Amino acid sequence: MPAPFPPPTPPGPPLAGTIPASLPGSEYRIGALLVFGSAFAWSFGGAIARFLDIPDSWTIVFWRSLFGTLFLLAFMLLRDGPRGTVALFRSMGWPGLSVGLCFMVASTCFIISIQYTTVANVVLLGAGVPLFAALMVWLFYGERISGVTWLAIGTVIVGVGIMVSSSFTGKVSPLGDGLALIIPLVFALATVITRRYPHVRMTPATCFGCFAAGMIALTMSSNLAVTPGELGILFIFGALNLGLGMALFVTGARLIPSALAALLGTGETVLGPVWVAVIHGEIPAPRTIAGGALILAALITHLTFEFRRQKRQNRSNA
C-alpha cells in the first residue's frame, strides 16, 4: 500500500512534516532511515498476501485488520501511555474519523484487488497519490498548480490508462484494476484532509480505520476459521507489514521534510513488484511495466522538485 497521506504539493499553509534547515543531521538521517524502513516493510505486502490460500477475501481483511489494530494500539500505549492514547483518539474529531474511513477503504480494497489483478498493478497505481492529491486541492480549493506538477499529473493519467488497458485483454479483471484505482484516490482524499487539518494525528486515525475494516469484514466474511499456519502469516501481514510499517513512518516522517518522506516512500513502489516476481514468479505484464514506469518517473520528478522547493523555503525562513 502507498505511504500514508504524503502531503500535497501546491503552495499553501506550511505542510505538516516540513522542518527547519537547522535540524541536527543525526535526527535527519534517523528520520530518513525510519521512513525508508516503513516503505521496505510495506513493500512485502503483496508477497505476503500471495502465501495465503484463503478463498474469502473478507477473512483476510478481518485478521489483518485485527492484528494491525492491536499493534497500533500497543504502539500508542507504549509511546503515549493510556491517558495520552485516549487523548489522541478524543482530539482527532471528524477529520480523524474521515482519514480513518479513507484508510479503511484503502486497506480493504488492497486485499480484495490483489485477488483479481497483479500486485504490480495495485502497487504502481498507488504511486500516484501525491499527484491525485494535488489535483483534488486544485479542484476543491483552487490552489495553484505549477507547470511541472501539471505535466506530472498528465503523465500519471497516461500511465494509469496504459495499465488499466490490460483489463480489456482478459489477462486481469477490470474489477481488480478498478479497486486498485480506488486506493490512491481515497489516500489522496485523506491527504487533502490532513493538509487542511494538520492537527489530525495519523496513528489513531489509521488505528480506527483498521478497527472499522475489521468490523465490516466480520459481518461480511462467511467463515473466519483459518489454520495455525495461516494465522501466523496473517499476524505478520497485519502486525509487522501494516502496523510496524505505520509505526516507523509516523516516527520518521516528523524528522524530515514531507516531500523527502514521500520520495523515500517510492521504495515500496519499486520493491513491491520485485518481491512478488522473485518469490512467487508473478512477472508484470509489458503494459504494467510501461504504465508503471511512466507513473514512477512522473512521481519522482515531481517530488524532487517539491523537495528542492521545501529546502529553499526552509533556508529563507531560517
C-alpha atoms as a PDB file:
ATOM      1  CA  MET A   1       0.000   0.000   0.000  1.00  0.00           C
ATOM      2  CA  PRO A   2       1.198   3.502  -0.616  1.00  0.00           C
ATOM      3  CA  ALA A   3       2.917   5.550   2.077  1.00  0.00           C
ATOM      4  CA  PRO A   4       0.015   7.007   4.039  1.00  0.00           C
ATOM      5  CA  PHE A   5      -1.090  10.519   3.336  1.00  0.00           C
ATOM      6  CA  PRO A   6       2.032  12.124   1.841  1.00  0.00           C
ATOM      7  CA  PRO A   7       1.377  15.880   1.839  1.00  0.00           C
ATOM      8  CA  PRO A   8       0.102  17.513  -1.340  1.00  0.00           C
ATOM      9  CA  THR A   9       2.337  19.817  -3.277  1.00  0.00           C
ATOM     10  CA  PRO A  10       0.545  23.044  -4.213  1.00  0.00           C
ATOM     11  CA  PRO A  11       1.624  26.188  -2.383  1.00  0.00           C
ATOM     12  CA  GLY A  12      -0.362  26.952   0.745  1.00  0.00           C
ATOM     13  CA  PRO A  13      -0.088  26.795   4.506  1.00  0.00           C
ATOM     14  CA  PRO A  14       3.062  25.157   5.895  1.00  0.00           C
ATOM     15  CA  LEU A  15       2.955  21.427   5.382  1.00  0.00           C
ATOM     16  CA  ALA A  16       2.977  19.070   8.323  1.00  0.00           C
ATOM     17  CA  GLY A  17       6.364  17.412   8.368  1.00  0.00           C
ATOM     18  CA  THR A  18       8.273  20.378   6.963  1.00  0.00           C
ATOM     19  CA  ILE A  19      11.264  21.054   9.193  1.00  0.00           C
ATOM     20  CA  PRO A  20      13.701  23.906   9.674  1.00  0.00           C
ATOM     21  CA  ALA A  21      17.026  23.666   7.930  1.00  0.00           C
ATOM     22  CA  SER A  22      18.763  23.608  11.314  1.00  0.00           C
ATOM     23  CA  LEU A  23      17.551  20.118  12.259  1.00  0.00           C
ATOM     24  CA  PRO A  24      20.518  18.063  13.544  1.00  0.00           C
ATOM     25  CA  GLY A  25      21.959  15.777  10.888  1.00  0.00           C
ATOM     26  CA  SER A  26      21.650  12.691  13.107  1.00  0.00           C
ATOM     27  CA  GLU A  27      17.902  13.165  13.562  1.00  0.00           C
ATOM     28  CA  TYR A  28      17.543  13.841   9.833  1.00  0.00           C
ATOM     29  CA  ARG A  29      19.308  10.580   8.973  1.00  0.00           C
ATOM     30  CA  ILE A  30      17.309   8.620  11.556  1.00  0.00           C
ATOM     31  CA  GLY A  31      14.060  10.023  10.140  1.00  0.00           C
ATOM     32  CA  ALA A  32      15.068   9.099   6.597  1.00  0.00           C
ATOM     33  CA  LEU A  33      16.023   5.569   7.669  1.00  0.00           C
ATOM     34  CA  LEU A  34      12.751   5.087   9.554  1.00  0.00           C
ATOM     35  CA  VAL A  35      10.637   6.266   6.615  1.00  0.00           C
ATOM     36  CA  PHE A  36      12.537   4.075   4.176  1.00  0.00           C
ATOM     37  CA  GLY A  37      12.159   1.223   6.675  1.00  0.00           C
ATOM     38  CA  SER A  38       8.399   1.718   6.574  1.00  0.00           C
ATOM     39  CA  ALA A  39       8.423   1.566   2.774  1.00  0.00           C
ATOM     40  CA  PHE A  40      10.572  -1.568   2.953  1.00  0.00           C
ATOM     41  CA  ALA A  41       8.110  -3.212   5.369  1.00  0.00           C
ATOM     42  CA  TRP A  42       5.086  -2.249   3.262  1.00  0.00           C
ATOM     43  CA  SER A  43       6.741  -3.498   0.069  1.00  0.00           C
ATOM     44  CA  PHE A  44       6.303  -7.101   1.246  1.00  0.00           C
ATOM     45  CA  GLY A  45       2.510  -6.751   1.420  1.00  0.00           C
ATOM     46  CA  GLY A  46       1.781  -8.316  -1.948  1.00  0.00           C
ATOM     47  CA  ALA A  47       4.301 -11.122  -1.471  1.00  0.00           C
ATOM     48  CA  ILE A  48       2.831 -11.981   1.946  1.00  0.00           C
ATOM     49  CA  ALA A  49      -0.700 -11.965   0.549  1.00  0.00           C
ATOM     50  CA  ARG A  50       0.283 -14.444  -2.159  1.00  0.00           C
ATOM     51  CA  PHE A  51       1.189 -17.003   0.537  1.00  0.00           C
ATOM     52  CA  LEU A  52      -2.440 -17.042   1.696  1.00  0.00           C
ATOM     53  CA  ASP A  53      -4.770 -19.523   0.024  1.00  0.00           C
ATOM     54  CA  ILE A  54      -7.960 -18.303   1.689  1.00  0.00           C
ATOM     55  CA  PRO A  55     -10.916 -18.103  -0.731  1.00  0.00           C
ATOM     56  CA  ASP A  56     -12.830 -15.464   1.224  1.00  0.00           C
ATOM     57  CA  SER A  57     -11.017 -12.110   0.990  1.00  0.00           C
ATOM     58  CA  TRP A  58     -13.073 -10.766   3.893  1.00  0.00           C
ATOM     59  CA  THR A  59     -11.466 -13.343   6.172  1.00  0.00           C
ATOM     60  CA  ILE A  60      -8.038 -11.944   5.278  1.00  0.00           C
ATOM     61  CA  VAL A  61      -9.284  -8.392   5.814  1.00  0.00           C
ATOM     62  CA  PHE A  62     -10.610  -9.291   9.272  1.00  0.00           C
ATOM     63  CA  TRP A  63      -7.477 -10.973  10.626  1.00  0.00           C
ATOM     64  CA  ARG A  64      -5.072  -8.461   9.087  1.00  0.00           C
ATOM     65  CA  SER A  65      -7.118  -5.563  10.450  1.00  0.00           C
ATOM     66  CA  LEU A  66      -7.342  -7.178  13.890  1.00  0.00           C
ATOM     67  CA  PHE A  67      -3.579  -7.658  14.193  1.00  0.00           C
ATOM     68  CA  GLY A  68      -2.931  -4.199  12.718  1.00  0.00           C
ATOM     69  CA  THR A  69      -5.301  -2.601  15.224  1.00  0.00           C
ATOM     70  CA  LEU A  70      -3.716  -4.386  18.179  1.00  0.00           C
ATOM     71  CA  PHE A  71      -0.178  -3.463  17.068  1.00  0.00           C
ATOM     72  CA  LEU A  72      -1.004   0.208  16.546  1.00  0.00           C
ATOM     73  CA  LEU A  73      -2.872   0.365  19.853  1.00  0.00           C
ATOM     74  CA  ALA A  74       0.095  -1.190  21.661  1.00  0.00           C
ATOM     75  CA  PHE A  75       2.438   1.249  19.912  1.00  0.00           C
ATOM     76  CA  MET A  76       0.421   4.253  21.124  1.00  0.00           C
ATOM     77  CA  LEU A  77       0.144   2.871  24.650  1.00  0.00           C
ATOM     78  CA  LEU A  78       3.916   2.439  24.848  1.00  0.00           C
ATOM     79  CA  ARG A  79       4.670   5.796  23.260  1.00  0.00           C
ATOM     80  CA  ASP A  80       1.973   7.982  24.826  1.00  0.00           C
ATOM     81  CA  GLY A  81       0.675   5.996  27.790  1.00  0.00           C
ATOM     82  CA  PRO A  82      -3.005   5.145  28.455  1.00  0.00           C
ATOM     83  CA  ARG A  83      -4.092   8.749  29.083  1.00  0.00           C
ATOM     84  CA  GLY A  84      -2.186  10.048  26.086  1.00  0.00           C
ATOM     85  CA  THR A  85      -3.690   7.376  23.853  1.00  0.00           C
ATOM     86  CA  VAL A  86      -7.228   8.230  24.969  1.00  0.00           C
ATOM     87  CA  ALA A  87      -6.479  11.918  24.404  1.00  0.00           C
ATOM     88  CA  LEU A  88      -5.256  11.193  20.874  1.00  0.00           C
ATOM     89  CA  PHE A  89      -8.494   9.448  19.948  1.00  0.00           C
ATOM     90  CA  ARG A  90     -10.614  12.176  21.529  1.00  0.00           C
ATOM     91  CA  SER A  91      -8.788  15.001  19.784  1.00  0.00           C
ATOM     92  CA  MET A  92      -8.867  13.634  16.238  1.00  0.00           C
ATOM     93  CA  GLY A  93     -12.516  14.698  15.684  1.00  0.00           C
ATOM     94  CA  TRP A  94     -14.330  14.293  12.401  1.00  0.00           C
ATOM     95  CA  PRO A  95     -11.176  14.899  10.300  1.00  0.00           C
ATOM     96  CA  GLY A  96      -9.527  11.926  12.031  1.00  0.00           C
ATOM     97  CA  LEU A  97     -12.623   9.816  11.545  1.00  0.00           C
ATOM     98  CA  SER A  98     -12.650  10.757   7.858  1.00  0.00           C
ATOM     99  CA  VAL A  99      -8.977   9.875   7.455  1.00  0.00           C
ATOM    100  CA  GLY A 100      -9.622   6.585   9.265  1.00  0.00           C
ATOM    101  CA  LEU A 101     -12.501   5.766   6.920  1.00  0.00           C
ATOM    102  CA  CYS A 102     -10.267   6.511   3.935  1.00  0.00           C
ATOM    103  CA  PHE A 103      -7.697   4.122   5.358  1.00  0.00           C
ATOM    104  CA  MET A 104     -10.436   1.523   5.933  1.00  0.00           C
ATOM    105  CA  VAL A 105     -11.486   1.689   2.275  1.00  0.00           C
ATOM    106  CA  ALA A 106      -7.887   1.622   1.005  1.00  0.00           C
ATOM    107  CA  SER A 107      -6.744  -1.318   3.133  1.00  0.00           C
ATOM    108  CA  THR A 108      -9.858  -3.322   2.257  1.00  0.00           C
ATOM    109  CA  CYS A 109      -9.542  -2.600  -1.465  1.00  0.00           C
ATOM    110  CA  PHE A 110      -5.884  -3.634  -1.330  1.00  0.00           C
ATOM    111  CA  ILE A 111      -6.736  -7.121  -0.077  1.00  0.00           C
ATOM    112  CA  ILE A 112      -9.647  -7.663  -2.446  1.00  0.00           C
ATOM    113  CA  SER A 113      -7.988  -6.153  -5.530  1.00  0.00           C
ATOM    114  CA  ILE A 114      -4.940  -8.438  -5.433  1.00  0.00           C
ATOM    115  CA  GLN A 115      -7.321 -11.393  -5.702  1.00  0.00           C
ATOM    116  CA  TYR A 116      -8.301 -10.125  -9.162  1.00  0.00           C
ATOM    117  CA  THR A 117      -5.238  -8.376 -10.569  1.00  0.00           C
ATOM    118  CA  THR A 118      -1.469  -8.409 -10.240  1.00  0.00           C
ATOM    119  CA  VAL A 119       0.353  -6.976  -7.252  1.00  0.00           C
ATOM    120  CA  ALA A 120       2.372  -4.785  -9.625  1.00  0.00           C
ATOM    121  CA  ASN A 121      -0.817  -3.147 -10.906  1.00  0.00           C
ATOM    122  CA  VAL A 122      -2.005  -2.402  -7.373  1.00  0.00           C
ATOM    123  CA  VAL A 123       1.332  -1.055  -6.111  1.00  0.00           C
ATOM    124  CA  LEU A 124       2.192   1.018  -9.165  1.00  0.00           C
ATOM    125  CA  LEU A 125      -1.268   2.587  -9.395  1.00  0.00           C
ATOM    126  CA  GLY A 126      -0.860   3.600  -5.761  1.00  0.00           C
ATOM    127  CA  ALA A 127       2.216   5.653  -6.611  1.00  0.00           C
ATOM    128  CA  GLY A 128       0.036   8.442  -7.968  1.00  0.00           C
ATOM    129  CA  VAL A 129      -1.285   9.513  -4.543  1.00  0.00           C
ATOM    130  CA  PRO A 130       0.624  12.840  -4.221  1.00  0.00           C
ATOM    131  CA  LEU A 131      -0.384  13.913  -7.718  1.00  0.00           C
ATOM    132  CA  PHE A 132      -4.034  12.943  -7.285  1.00  0.00           C
ATOM    133  CA  ALA A 133      -3.976  14.936  -4.042  1.00  0.00           C
ATOM    134  CA  ALA A 134      -2.570  17.978  -5.840  1.00  0.00           C
ATOM    135  CA  LEU A 135      -5.353  17.685  -8.407  1.00  0.00           C
ATOM    136  CA  MET A 136      -8.013  17.468  -5.674  1.00  0.00           C
ATOM    137  CA  VAL A 137      -6.646  20.548  -3.904  1.00  0.00           C
ATOM    138  CA  TRP A 138      -6.855  22.447  -7.191  1.00  0.00           C
ATOM    139  CA  LEU A 139     -10.424  21.257  -7.838  1.00  0.00           C
ATOM    140  CA  PHE A 140     -11.737  21.799  -4.296  1.00  0.00           C
ATOM    141  CA  TYR A 141      -9.815  24.892  -3.207  1.00  0.00           C
ATOM    142  CA  GLY A 142      -8.489  26.473  -6.377  1.00  0.00           C
ATOM    143  CA  GLU A 143      -4.859  26.379  -5.228  1.00  0.00           C
ATOM    144  CA  ARG A 144      -2.303  26.992  -7.940  1.00  0.00           C
ATOM    145  CA  ILE A 145      -0.535  24.025  -9.520  1.00  0.00           C
ATOM    146  CA  SER A 146       2.888  24.515 -11.068  1.00  0.00           C
ATOM    147  CA  GLY A 147       3.624  23.576 -14.663  1.00  0.00           C
ATOM    148  CA  VAL A 148       5.857  20.712 -13.515  1.00  0.00           C
ATOM    149  CA  THR A 149       3.028  19.290 -11.411  1.00  0.00           C
ATOM    150  CA  TRP A 150       0.533  19.573 -14.269  1.00  0.00           C
ATOM    151  CA  LEU A 151       2.964  17.711 -16.523  1.00  0.00           C
ATOM    152  CA  ALA A 152       3.382  15.018 -13.866  1.00  0.00           C
ATOM    153  CA  ILE A 153      -0.395  14.691 -13.404  1.00  0.00           C
ATOM    154  CA  GLY A 154      -0.886  14.294 -17.154  1.00  0.00           C
ATOM    155  CA  THR A 155       1.853  11.668 -17.277  1.00  0.00           C
ATOM    156  CA  VAL A 156       0.266   9.745 -14.409  1.00  0.00           C
ATOM    157  CA  ILE A 157      -3.117   9.762 -16.153  1.00  0.00           C
ATOM    158  CA  VAL A 158      -1.499   8.359 -19.300  1.00  0.00           C
ATOM    159  CA  GLY A 159       0.331   5.739 -17.241  1.00  0.00           C
ATOM    160  CA  VAL A 160      -2.866   4.708 -15.460  1.00  0.00           C
ATOM    161  CA  GLY A 161      -4.609   4.415 -18.822  1.00  0.00           C
ATOM    162  CA  ILE A 162      -1.885   2.117 -20.151  1.00  0.00           C
ATOM    163  CA  MET A 163      -2.003  -0.084 -17.054  1.00  0.00           C
ATOM    164  CA  VAL A 164      -5.788  -0.297 -16.854  1.00  0.00           C
ATOM    165  CA  SER A 165      -5.958  -1.149 -20.562  1.00  0.00           C
ATOM    166  CA  SER A 166      -4.652  -4.594 -19.592  1.00  0.00           C
ATOM    167  CA  SER A 167      -8.117  -5.227 -18.168  1.00  0.00           C
ATOM    168  CA  PHE A 168      -9.548  -5.267 -21.678  1.00  0.00           C
ATOM    169  CA  THR A 169      -7.185  -8.006 -22.814  1.00  0.00           C
ATOM    170  CA  GLY A 170      -8.721 -10.547 -20.424  1.00  0.00           C
ATOM    171  CA  LYS A 171      -5.417 -11.134 -18.605  1.00  0.00           C
ATOM    172  CA  VAL A 172      -6.584  -9.341 -15.446  1.00  0.00           C
ATOM    173  CA  SER A 173     -10.027  -8.466 -14.145  1.00  0.00           C
ATOM    174  CA  PRO A 174     -11.420  -4.944 -14.603  1.00  0.00           C
ATOM    175  CA  LEU A 175     -12.759  -5.336 -11.049  1.00  0.00           C
ATOM    176  CA  GLY A 176      -9.224  -5.745  -9.697  1.00  0.00           C
ATOM    177  CA  ASP A 177      -7.865  -2.696 -11.510  1.00  0.00           C
ATOM    178  CA  GLY A 178     -10.961  -0.683 -10.558  1.00  0.00           C
ATOM    179  CA  LEU A 179     -10.497  -1.466  -6.873  1.00  0.00           C
ATOM    180  CA  ALA A 180      -6.760  -0.783  -7.171  1.00  0.00           C
ATOM    181  CA  LEU A 181      -7.527   2.665  -8.598  1.00  0.00           C
ATOM    182  CA  ILE A 182      -9.784   3.460  -5.635  1.00  0.00           C
ATOM    183  CA  ILE A 183      -6.785   3.081  -3.285  1.00  0.00           C
ATOM    184  CA  PRO A 184      -4.781   6.136  -4.455  1.00  0.00           C
ATOM    185  CA  LEU A 185      -7.963   8.180  -4.790  1.00  0.00           C
ATOM    186  CA  VAL A 186      -9.052   7.686  -1.168  1.00  0.00           C
ATOM    187  CA  PHE A 187      -5.468   8.125   0.061  1.00  0.00           C
ATOM    188  CA  ALA A 188      -5.346  11.384  -1.915  1.00  0.00           C
ATOM    189  CA  LEU A 189      -8.578  12.491  -0.231  1.00  0.00           C
ATOM    190  CA  ALA A 190      -7.046  11.661   3.160  1.00  0.00           C
ATOM    191  CA  THR A 191      -4.009  13.725   2.164  1.00  0.00           C
ATOM    192  CA  VAL A 192      -6.197  16.744   1.450  1.00  0.00           C
ATOM    193  CA  ILE A 193      -7.999  16.353   4.791  1.00  0.00           C
ATOM    194  CA  THR A 194      -4.679  16.065   6.627  1.00  0.00           C
ATOM    195  CA  ARG A 195      -3.398  19.168   4.841  1.00  0.00           C
ATOM    196  CA  ARG A 196      -6.460  21.181   5.847  1.00  0.00           C
ATOM    197  CA  TYR A 197      -6.482  19.879   9.416  1.00  0.00           C
ATOM    198  CA  PRO A 198      -2.801  19.480  10.345  1.00  0.00           C
ATOM    199  CA  HIS A 199      -3.659  18.562  13.946  1.00  0.00           C
ATOM    200  CA  VAL A 200      -5.027  15.209  12.758  1.00  0.00           C
ATOM    201  CA  ARG A 201      -2.753  12.509  14.171  1.00  0.00           C
ATOM    202  CA  MET A 202      -2.180   9.689  11.740  1.00  0.00           C
ATOM    203  CA  THR A 203      -1.730   6.855  14.242  1.00  0.00           C
ATOM    204  CA  PRO A 204      -5.138   6.964  15.993  1.00  0.00           C
ATOM    205  CA  ALA A 205      -6.862   7.661  12.672  1.00  0.00           C
ATOM    206  CA  THR A 206      -5.351   4.612  10.986  1.00  0.00           C
ATOM    207  CA  CYS A 207      -5.911   2.502  14.110  1.00  0.00           C
ATOM    208  CA  PHE A 208      -9.585   3.448  13.891  1.00  0.00           C
ATOM    209  CA  GLY A 209      -9.520   2.625  10.172  1.00  0.00           C
ATOM    210  CA  CYS A 210      -8.100  -0.835  10.883  1.00  0.00           C
ATOM    211  CA  PHE A 211     -10.764  -1.428  13.517  1.00  0.00           C
ATOM    212  CA  ALA A 212     -13.561  -0.288  11.189  1.00  0.00           C
ATOM    213  CA  ALA A 213     -12.280  -2.511   8.365  1.00  0.00           C
ATOM    214  CA  GLY A 214     -12.172  -5.465  10.733  1.00  0.00           C
ATOM    215  CA  MET A 215     -15.737  -4.866  11.930  1.00  0.00           C
ATOM    216  CA  ILE A 216     -17.069  -4.671   8.380  1.00  0.00           C
ATOM    217  CA  ALA A 217     -15.150  -7.804   7.420  1.00  0.00           C
ATOM    218  CA  LEU A 218     -16.589  -9.557  10.475  1.00  0.00           C
ATOM    219  CA  THR A 219     -20.091  -9.051   9.107  1.00  0.00           C
ATOM    220  CA  MET A 220     -19.146  -9.888   5.507  1.00  0.00           C
ATOM    221  CA  SER A 221     -16.991 -12.985   5.975  1.00  0.00           C
ATOM    222  CA  SER A 222     -18.622 -16.374   5.551  1.00  0.00           C
ATOM    223  CA  ASN A 223     -16.046 -18.148   7.709  1.00  0.00           C
ATOM    224  CA  LEU A 224     -13.308 -16.698   9.902  1.00  0.00           C
ATOM    225  CA  ALA A 225     -11.659 -20.080  10.581  1.00  0.00           C
ATOM    226  CA  VAL A 226      -8.008 -20.309   9.499  1.00  0.00           C
ATOM    227  CA  THR A 227      -5.245 -22.839  10.074  1.00  0.00           C
ATOM    228  CA  PRO A 228      -2.425 -22.129  12.573  1.00  0.00           C
ATOM    229  CA  GLY A 229      -0.018 -21.620   9.673  1.00  0.00           C
ATOM    230  CA  GLU A 230      -2.361 -19.127   8.013  1.00  0.00           C
ATOM    231  CA  LEU A 231      -2.839 -17.349  11.338  1.00  0.00           C
ATOM    232  CA  GLY A 232       0.929 -16.892  11.596  1.00  0.00           C
ATOM    233  CA  ILE A 233       1.090 -15.382   8.113  1.00  0.00           C
ATOM    234  CA  LEU A 234      -1.878 -13.142   8.920  1.00  0.00           C
ATOM    235  CA  PHE A 235      -0.117 -11.958  12.082  1.00  0.00           C
ATOM    236  CA  ILE A 236       2.933 -10.965  10.023  1.00  0.00           C
ATOM    237  CA  PHE A 237       0.636  -9.366   7.434  1.00  0.00           C
ATOM    238  CA  GLY A 238      -1.234  -7.269   9.998  1.00  0.00           C
ATOM    239  CA  ALA A 239       1.196  -6.573  12.835  1.00  0.00           C
ATOM    240  CA  LEU A 240       4.526  -6.350  11.016  1.00  0.00           C
ATOM    241  CA  ASN A 241       3.659  -5.418   7.437  1.00  0.00           C
ATOM    242  CA  LEU A 242       0.848  -2.983   8.265  1.00  0.00           C
ATOM    243  CA  GLY A 243       1.342  -1.968  11.899  1.00  0.00           C
ATOM    244  CA  LEU A 244       5.131  -1.841  12.105  1.00  0.00           C
ATOM    245  CA  GLY A 245       5.309  -0.020   8.773  1.00  0.00           C
ATOM    246  CA  MET A 246       2.906   2.594  10.095  1.00  0.00           C
ATOM    247  CA  ALA A 247       4.825   2.992  13.381  1.00  0.00           C
ATOM    248  CA  LEU A 248       8.107   3.506  11.517  1.00  0.00           C
ATOM    249  CA  PHE A 249       6.514   6.034   9.173  1.00  0.00           C
ATOM    250  CA  VAL A 250       4.818   8.200  11.804  1.00  0.00           C
ATOM    251  CA  THR A 251       8.024   8.262  13.860  1.00  0.00           C
ATOM    252  CA  GLY A 252      10.360   9.103  10.989  1.00  0.00           C
ATOM    253  CA  ALA A 253       8.144  11.443   8.952  1.00  0.00           C
ATOM    254  CA  ARG A 254       8.217  14.032  11.756  1.00  0.00           C
ATOM    255  CA  LEU A 255      12.003  14.354  11.383  1.00  0.00           C
ATOM    256  CA  ILE A 256      12.328  15.027   7.646  1.00  0.00           C
ATOM    257  CA  PRO A 257      10.677  17.247   5.019  1.00  0.00           C
ATOM    258  CA  SER A 258       7.351  15.911   3.773  1.00  0.00           C
ATOM    259  CA  ALA A 259       8.497  15.722   0.149  1.00  0.00           C
ATOM    260  CA  LEU A 260      11.504  13.628   1.149  1.00  0.00           C
ATOM    261  CA  ALA A 261       9.214  11.306   3.128  1.00  0.00           C
ATOM    262  CA  ALA A 262       7.046  10.825   0.055  1.00  0.00           C
ATOM    263  CA  LEU A 263      10.127  10.351  -2.133  1.00  0.00           C
ATOM    264  CA  LEU A 264      11.503   7.648   0.180  1.00  0.00           C
ATOM    265  CA  GLY A 265       8.065   6.043   0.140  1.00  0.00           C
ATOM    266  CA  THR A 266       8.543   5.233  -3.545  1.00  0.00           C
ATOM    267  CA  GLY A 267      10.772   2.419  -2.310  1.00  0.00           C
ATOM    268  CA  GLU A 268       7.575   0.434  -1.755  1.00  0.00           C
ATOM    269  CA  THR A 269       6.518   1.054  -5.355  1.00  0.00           C
ATOM    270  CA  VAL A 270       9.848  -0.165  -6.707  1.00  0.00           C
ATOM    271  CA  LEU A 271      10.386  -3.131  -4.377  1.00  0.00           C
ATOM    272  CA  GLY A 272       6.817  -4.466  -4.127  1.00  0.00           C
ATOM    273  CA  PRO A 273       6.616  -5.965  -7.636  1.00  0.00           C
ATOM    274  CA  VAL A 274      10.212  -7.213  -7.307  1.00  0.00           C
ATOM    275  CA  TRP A 275       9.478  -9.338  -4.209  1.00  0.00           C
ATOM    276  CA  VAL A 276       6.400 -10.873  -5.841  1.00  0.00           C
ATOM    277  CA  ALA A 277       8.331 -11.637  -9.012  1.00  0.00           C
ATOM    278  CA  VAL A 278      11.285 -13.176  -7.131  1.00  0.00           C
ATOM    279  CA  ILE A 279       9.277 -15.117  -4.531  1.00  0.00           C
ATOM    280  CA  HIS A 280       6.179 -16.109  -6.497  1.00  0.00           C
ATOM    281  CA  GLY A 281       7.225 -15.731 -10.131  1.00  0.00           C
ATOM    282  CA  GLU A 282       4.485 -13.169 -10.814  1.00  0.00           C
ATOM    283  CA  ILE A 283       6.020 -11.188 -13.663  1.00  0.00           C
ATOM    284  CA  PRO A 284       4.324  -7.868 -14.529  1.00  0.00           C
ATOM    285  CA  ALA A 285       2.806  -7.579 -17.986  1.00  0.00           C
ATOM    286  CA  PRO A 286       4.503  -5.275 -20.521  1.00  0.00           C
ATOM    287  CA  ARG A 287       1.683  -2.726 -20.195  1.00  0.00           C
ATOM    288  CA  THR A 288       2.062  -2.748 -16.421  1.00  0.00           C
ATOM    289  CA  ILE A 289       5.798  -2.118 -16.727  1.00  0.00           C
ATOM    290  CA  ALA A 290       5.317   0.665 -19.295  1.00  0.00           C
ATOM    291  CA  GLY A 291       2.498   2.415 -17.440  1.00  0.00           C
ATOM    292  CA  GLY A 292       4.130   1.931 -14.061  1.00  0.00           C
ATOM    293  CA  ALA A 293       7.421   3.342 -15.329  1.00  0.00           C
ATOM    294  CA  LEU A 294       5.606   6.477 -16.500  1.00  0.00           C
ATOM    295  CA  ILE A 295       3.847   6.888 -13.153  1.00  0.00           C
ATOM    296  CA  LEU A 296       7.026   6.323 -11.155  1.00  0.00           C
ATOM    297  CA  ALA A 297       9.080   8.689 -13.336  1.00  0.00           C
ATOM    298  CA  ALA A 298       6.435  11.408 -13.017  1.00  0.00           C
ATOM    299  CA  LEU A 299       6.221  10.942  -9.253  1.00  0.00           C
ATOM    300  CA  ILE A 300       9.987  11.020  -8.651  1.00  0.00           C
ATOM    301  CA  THR A 301      10.412  14.090 -10.880  1.00  0.00           C
ATOM    302  CA  HIS A 302       7.557  15.873  -9.145  1.00  0.00           C
ATOM    303  CA  LEU A 303       8.758  15.023  -5.626  1.00  0.00           C
ATOM    304  CA  THR A 304      12.342  16.010  -6.450  1.00  0.00           C
ATOM    305  CA  PHE A 305      11.193  19.483  -7.492  1.00  0.00           C
ATOM    306  CA  GLU A 306       9.000  19.717  -4.388  1.00  0.00           C
ATOM    307  CA  PHE A 307      11.846  18.643  -2.116  1.00  0.00           C
ATOM    308  CA  ARG A 308      14.071  21.347  -3.576  1.00  0.00           C
ATOM    309  CA  ARG A 309      11.279  23.910  -3.145  1.00  0.00           C
ATOM    310  CA  GLN A 310      10.878  22.979   0.514  1.00  0.00           C
ATOM    311  CA  LYS A 311      14.641  23.218   1.095  1.00  0.00           C
ATOM    312  CA  ARG A 312      14.676  26.709  -0.426  1.00  0.00           C
ATOM    313  CA  GLN A 313      11.696  27.685   1.715  1.00  0.00           C
ATOM    314  CA  ASN A 314      13.368  26.345   4.858  1.00  0.00           C
ATOM    315  CA  ARG A 315      16.574  28.281   4.114  1.00  0.00           C
ATOM    316  CA  SER A 316      14.651  31.501   3.544  1.00  0.00           C
ATOM    317  CA  ASN A 317      12.750  31.031   6.841  1.00  0.00           C
ATOM    318  CA  ALA A 318      15.864  30.148   8.842  1.00  0.00           C
END
